């Protein structure tokens, strides 16, 4: 499974997503939208908005949080094949 995480250092939801992936020992490549040329534009192009964190799991874009609700732990676990471990 190839996972990209579009994030920024100031983003609390991004830190939660990274913590979740790290706790479950899931390898990912982080793309800082502020330090990587074109990354913020790619998020907008793919999702229609500048909203992070964004995960790309084997080429499929997924926003692992909902504004006002935070990280979607159960949905994220399901997409990563971890649902049974929660």
N, C-alpha and C. Protein backbone atom coordinates (compact mmCIF):
# COMPACT_ATOMS: atom_id res chain seq x y z
N UNK A 1 0.84 -1.17 0.00
CA UNK A 1 0.00 0.00 0.00
C UNK A 1 0.89 1.23 0.00
N UNK A 2 0.63 2.15 -0.92
CA UNK A 2 1.38 3.40 -0.98
C UNK A 2 0.49 4.52 -0.43
N UNK A 3 1.02 5.27 0.54
CA UNK A 3 0.26 6.33 1.18
C UNK A 3 1.04 7.63 1.13
N UNK A 4 0.36 8.67 0.65
CA UNK A 4 0.89 10.03 0.70
C UNK A 4 0.03 10.80 1.68
N UNK A 5 0.66 11.65 2.47
CA UNK A 5 -0.06 12.49 3.42
C UNK A 5 0.29 13.94 3.12
N UNK A 6 -0.67 14.69 2.61
CA UNK A 6 -0.49 16.11 2.37
C UNK A 6 -0.80 16.83 3.68
N UNK A 7 0.15 17.62 4.18
CA UNK A 7 0.01 18.24 5.50
C UNK A 7 0.78 19.54 5.56
N UNK A 8 0.73 20.16 6.76
CA UNK A 8 1.52 21.36 7.06
C UNK A 8 1.85 21.32 8.55
N UNK A 9 3.00 21.88 8.94
CA UNK A 9 3.43 21.83 10.34
C UNK A 9 2.44 22.44 11.33
N UNK A 10 1.69 23.46 10.92
CA UNK A 10 0.77 24.16 11.81
C UNK A 10 -0.57 23.46 11.97
N UNK A 11 -0.81 22.39 11.24
CA UNK A 11 -2.11 21.72 11.17
C UNK A 11 -2.26 20.66 12.26
N UNK A 12 -3.12 20.91 13.23
CA UNK A 12 -3.35 19.96 14.31
C UNK A 12 -3.96 18.65 13.84
N UNK A 13 -4.90 18.71 12.86
CA UNK A 13 -5.49 17.48 12.33
C UNK A 13 -4.44 16.65 11.59
N UNK A 14 -3.47 17.32 10.97
CA UNK A 14 -2.37 16.62 10.30
C UNK A 14 -1.52 15.87 11.32
N UNK A 15 -1.24 16.51 12.44
CA UNK A 15 -0.46 15.85 13.50
C UNK A 15 -1.21 14.63 14.03
N UNK A 16 -2.52 14.74 14.17
CA UNK A 16 -3.31 13.58 14.63
C UNK A 16 -3.25 12.45 13.61
N UNK A 17 -3.36 12.79 12.33
CA UNK A 17 -3.29 11.76 11.29
C UNK A 17 -1.94 11.07 11.30
N UNK A 18 -0.86 11.85 11.43
CA UNK A 18 0.49 11.26 11.48
C UNK A 18 0.64 10.37 12.71
N UNK A 19 0.13 10.82 13.84
CA UNK A 19 0.21 10.03 15.07
C UNK A 19 -0.53 8.70 14.90
N UNK A 20 -1.70 8.74 14.28
CA UNK A 20 -2.48 7.53 14.02
C UNK A 20 -1.69 6.56 13.14
N UNK A 21 -1.14 7.06 12.04
CA UNK A 21 -0.37 6.21 11.14
C UNK A 21 0.86 5.64 11.84
N UNK A 22 1.55 6.47 12.61
CA UNK A 22 2.74 6.01 13.32
C UNK A 22 2.39 4.95 14.37
N UNK A 23 1.30 5.17 15.11
CA UNK A 23 0.90 4.20 16.14
C UNK A 23 0.58 2.84 15.54
N UNK A 24 0.08 2.83 14.32
CA UNK A 24 -0.27 1.57 13.66
C UNK A 24 0.84 1.09 12.73
N UNK A 25 1.99 1.74 12.82
CA UNK A 25 3.18 1.37 12.04
C UNK A 25 2.88 1.28 10.54
N UNK A 26 2.19 2.29 10.06
CA UNK A 26 1.84 2.37 8.64
C UNK A 26 2.79 3.37 7.98
N UNK A 27 3.52 2.89 7.00
CA UNK A 27 4.48 3.74 6.29
C UNK A 27 3.74 4.72 5.38
N UNK A 28 4.24 5.94 5.34
CA UNK A 28 3.66 6.96 4.48
C UNK A 28 4.73 7.96 4.10
N UNK A 29 4.45 8.69 3.04
CA UNK A 29 5.31 9.77 2.61
C UNK A 29 4.57 11.07 2.89
N UNK A 30 5.18 11.94 3.68
CA UNK A 30 4.55 13.22 4.00
C UNK A 30 4.94 14.27 2.97
N UNK A 31 3.95 15.02 2.53
CA UNK A 31 4.18 16.12 1.59
C UNK A 31 3.71 17.39 2.28
N UNK A 32 4.67 18.23 2.65
CA UNK A 32 4.37 19.51 3.29
C UNK A 32 3.93 20.48 2.21
N UNK A 33 2.67 20.93 2.28
CA UNK A 33 2.14 21.79 1.22
C UNK A 33 2.79 23.16 1.19
N UNK A 34 3.45 23.54 2.27
CA UNK A 34 4.11 24.84 2.30
C UNK A 34 5.55 24.78 1.80
N UNK A 35 6.16 23.62 1.85
CA UNK A 35 7.56 23.48 1.47
C UNK A 35 7.76 22.78 0.12
N UNK A 36 6.71 22.14 -0.38
CA UNK A 36 6.83 21.39 -1.62
C UNK A 36 6.15 22.17 -2.75
N UNK A 37 6.93 22.65 -3.71
CA UNK A 37 6.34 23.42 -4.81
C UNK A 37 5.22 22.65 -5.52
N UNK A 38 4.08 23.32 -5.68
CA UNK A 38 2.95 22.73 -6.39
C UNK A 38 2.06 21.83 -5.55
N UNK A 39 2.45 21.51 -4.31
CA UNK A 39 1.67 20.57 -3.50
C UNK A 39 0.31 21.14 -3.12
N UNK A 40 0.26 22.39 -2.70
CA UNK A 40 -1.02 23.00 -2.33
C UNK A 40 -1.95 23.06 -3.55
N UNK A 41 -1.39 23.37 -4.70
CA UNK A 41 -2.19 23.41 -5.92
C UNK A 41 -2.71 22.02 -6.29
N UNK A 42 -1.92 21.00 -6.03
CA UNK A 42 -2.35 19.63 -6.32
C UNK A 42 -3.53 19.24 -5.43
N UNK A 43 -3.48 19.63 -4.16
CA UNK A 43 -4.60 19.36 -3.25
C UNK A 43 -5.87 20.03 -3.79
N UNK A 44 -5.75 21.27 -4.18
CA UNK A 44 -6.90 22.00 -4.71
C UNK A 44 -7.39 21.36 -6.01
N UNK A 45 -6.47 20.99 -6.86
CA UNK A 45 -6.84 20.37 -8.14
C UNK A 45 -7.60 19.07 -7.93
N UNK A 46 -7.15 18.28 -6.97
CA UNK A 46 -7.75 16.96 -6.73
C UNK A 46 -9.05 17.02 -5.92
N UNK A 47 -9.13 17.97 -5.00
CA UNK A 47 -10.26 17.98 -4.06
C UNK A 47 -11.20 19.17 -4.24
N UNK A 48 -10.73 20.20 -4.94
CA UNK A 48 -11.54 21.39 -5.11
C UNK A 48 -11.45 22.36 -3.95
N UNK A 49 -10.58 22.08 -2.99
CA UNK A 49 -10.42 22.96 -1.83
C UNK A 49 -9.03 22.79 -1.25
N UNK A 50 -8.64 23.78 -0.46
CA UNK A 50 -7.34 23.69 0.21
C UNK A 50 -7.60 23.20 1.64
N UNK A 51 -7.76 21.92 1.76
CA UNK A 51 -8.09 21.31 3.04
C UNK A 51 -7.10 20.18 3.32
N UNK A 52 -6.45 20.28 4.45
CA UNK A 52 -5.51 19.24 4.86
C UNK A 52 -5.89 18.78 6.27
N UNK A 53 -5.54 17.58 6.65
CA UNK A 53 -4.75 16.61 5.91
C UNK A 53 -5.55 15.96 4.78
N UNK A 54 -4.82 15.52 3.80
CA UNK A 54 -5.36 14.70 2.71
C UNK A 54 -4.47 13.48 2.59
N UNK A 55 -5.08 12.33 2.50
CA UNK A 55 -4.34 11.09 2.26
C UNK A 55 -4.60 10.64 0.83
N UNK A 56 -3.59 10.09 0.22
CA UNK A 56 -3.74 9.44 -1.06
C UNK A 56 -3.30 8.00 -0.83
N UNK A 57 -4.28 7.10 -0.84
CA UNK A 57 -4.03 5.68 -0.55
C UNK A 57 -4.13 4.92 -1.87
N UNK A 58 -3.00 4.44 -2.34
CA UNK A 58 -2.93 3.74 -3.63
C UNK A 58 -3.65 4.54 -4.73
N UNK A 59 -3.39 5.85 -4.76
CA UNK A 59 -3.93 6.69 -5.81
C UNK A 59 -5.31 7.27 -5.56
N UNK A 60 -5.95 6.86 -4.46
CA UNK A 60 -7.30 7.34 -4.15
C UNK A 60 -7.21 8.41 -3.06
N UNK A 61 -7.76 9.59 -3.33
CA UNK A 61 -7.72 10.70 -2.38
C UNK A 61 -8.78 10.50 -1.31
N UNK A 62 -8.41 10.82 -0.07
CA UNK A 62 -9.30 10.65 1.09
C UNK A 62 -9.00 11.74 2.11
N UNK A 63 -10.03 12.46 2.53
CA UNK A 63 -9.87 13.46 3.58
C UNK A 63 -10.21 12.79 4.91
N UNK A 64 -9.21 12.56 5.77
CA UNK A 64 -9.42 11.76 6.99
C UNK A 64 -9.98 12.54 8.18
N UNK A 65 -10.57 13.67 7.94
CA UNK A 65 -11.18 14.43 9.03
C UNK A 65 -12.40 15.16 8.50
N UNK A 66 -13.24 15.56 9.42
CA UNK A 66 -14.40 16.36 9.09
C UNK A 66 -14.35 17.60 9.96
N UNK A 67 -14.43 18.80 9.35
CA UNK A 67 -14.39 20.02 10.15
C UNK A 67 -15.43 19.98 11.28
N UNK A 68 -15.00 20.33 12.46
CA UNK A 68 -15.87 20.32 13.61
C UNK A 68 -15.97 18.98 14.31
N UNK A 69 -15.53 17.91 13.64
CA UNK A 69 -15.58 16.57 14.22
C UNK A 69 -14.19 15.99 14.47
N UNK A 70 -13.20 16.49 13.73
CA UNK A 70 -11.84 15.98 13.88
C UNK A 70 -11.56 14.77 13.01
N UNK A 71 -10.53 14.04 13.41
CA UNK A 71 -10.08 12.88 12.64
C UNK A 71 -11.14 11.78 12.64
N UNK A 72 -11.35 11.19 11.49
CA UNK A 72 -12.33 10.12 11.33
C UNK A 72 -11.64 8.77 11.56
N UNK A 73 -11.41 8.46 12.83
CA UNK A 73 -10.61 7.29 13.19
C UNK A 73 -11.16 6.00 12.60
N UNK A 74 -12.46 5.76 12.75
CA UNK A 74 -13.03 4.49 12.28
C UNK A 74 -12.95 4.37 10.76
N UNK A 75 -13.29 5.43 10.06
CA UNK A 75 -13.24 5.39 8.60
C UNK A 75 -11.80 5.25 8.11
N UNK A 76 -10.88 5.94 8.77
CA UNK A 76 -9.47 5.84 8.41
C UNK A 76 -8.97 4.41 8.63
N UNK A 77 -9.31 3.84 9.78
CA UNK A 77 -8.90 2.46 10.07
C UNK A 77 -9.46 1.49 9.04
N UNK A 78 -10.71 1.69 8.66
CA UNK A 78 -11.33 0.80 7.68
C UNK A 78 -10.61 0.89 6.33
N UNK A 79 -10.31 2.10 5.89
CA UNK A 79 -9.63 2.28 4.61
C UNK A 79 -8.22 1.70 4.62
N UNK A 80 -7.62 1.63 5.81
CA UNK A 80 -6.27 1.08 5.93
C UNK A 80 -6.26 -0.39 6.31
N UNK A 81 -7.44 -0.98 6.40
CA UNK A 81 -7.53 -2.40 6.75
C UNK A 81 -7.26 -2.67 8.22
N UNK A 82 -7.54 -1.69 9.08
CA UNK A 82 -7.28 -1.82 10.51
C UNK A 82 -8.55 -1.93 11.34
N UNK A 83 -9.70 -1.96 10.73
CA UNK A 83 -10.98 -1.87 11.45
C UNK A 83 -11.05 -2.87 12.60
N UNK A 84 -10.54 -4.05 12.43
CA UNK A 84 -10.62 -5.07 13.48
C UNK A 84 -9.74 -4.75 14.67
N UNK A 85 -8.76 -3.85 14.49
CA UNK A 85 -7.81 -3.59 15.57
C UNK A 85 -8.22 -2.42 16.45
N UNK A 86 -9.35 -1.75 16.16
CA UNK A 86 -9.77 -0.63 16.99
C UNK A 86 -10.61 -1.08 18.16
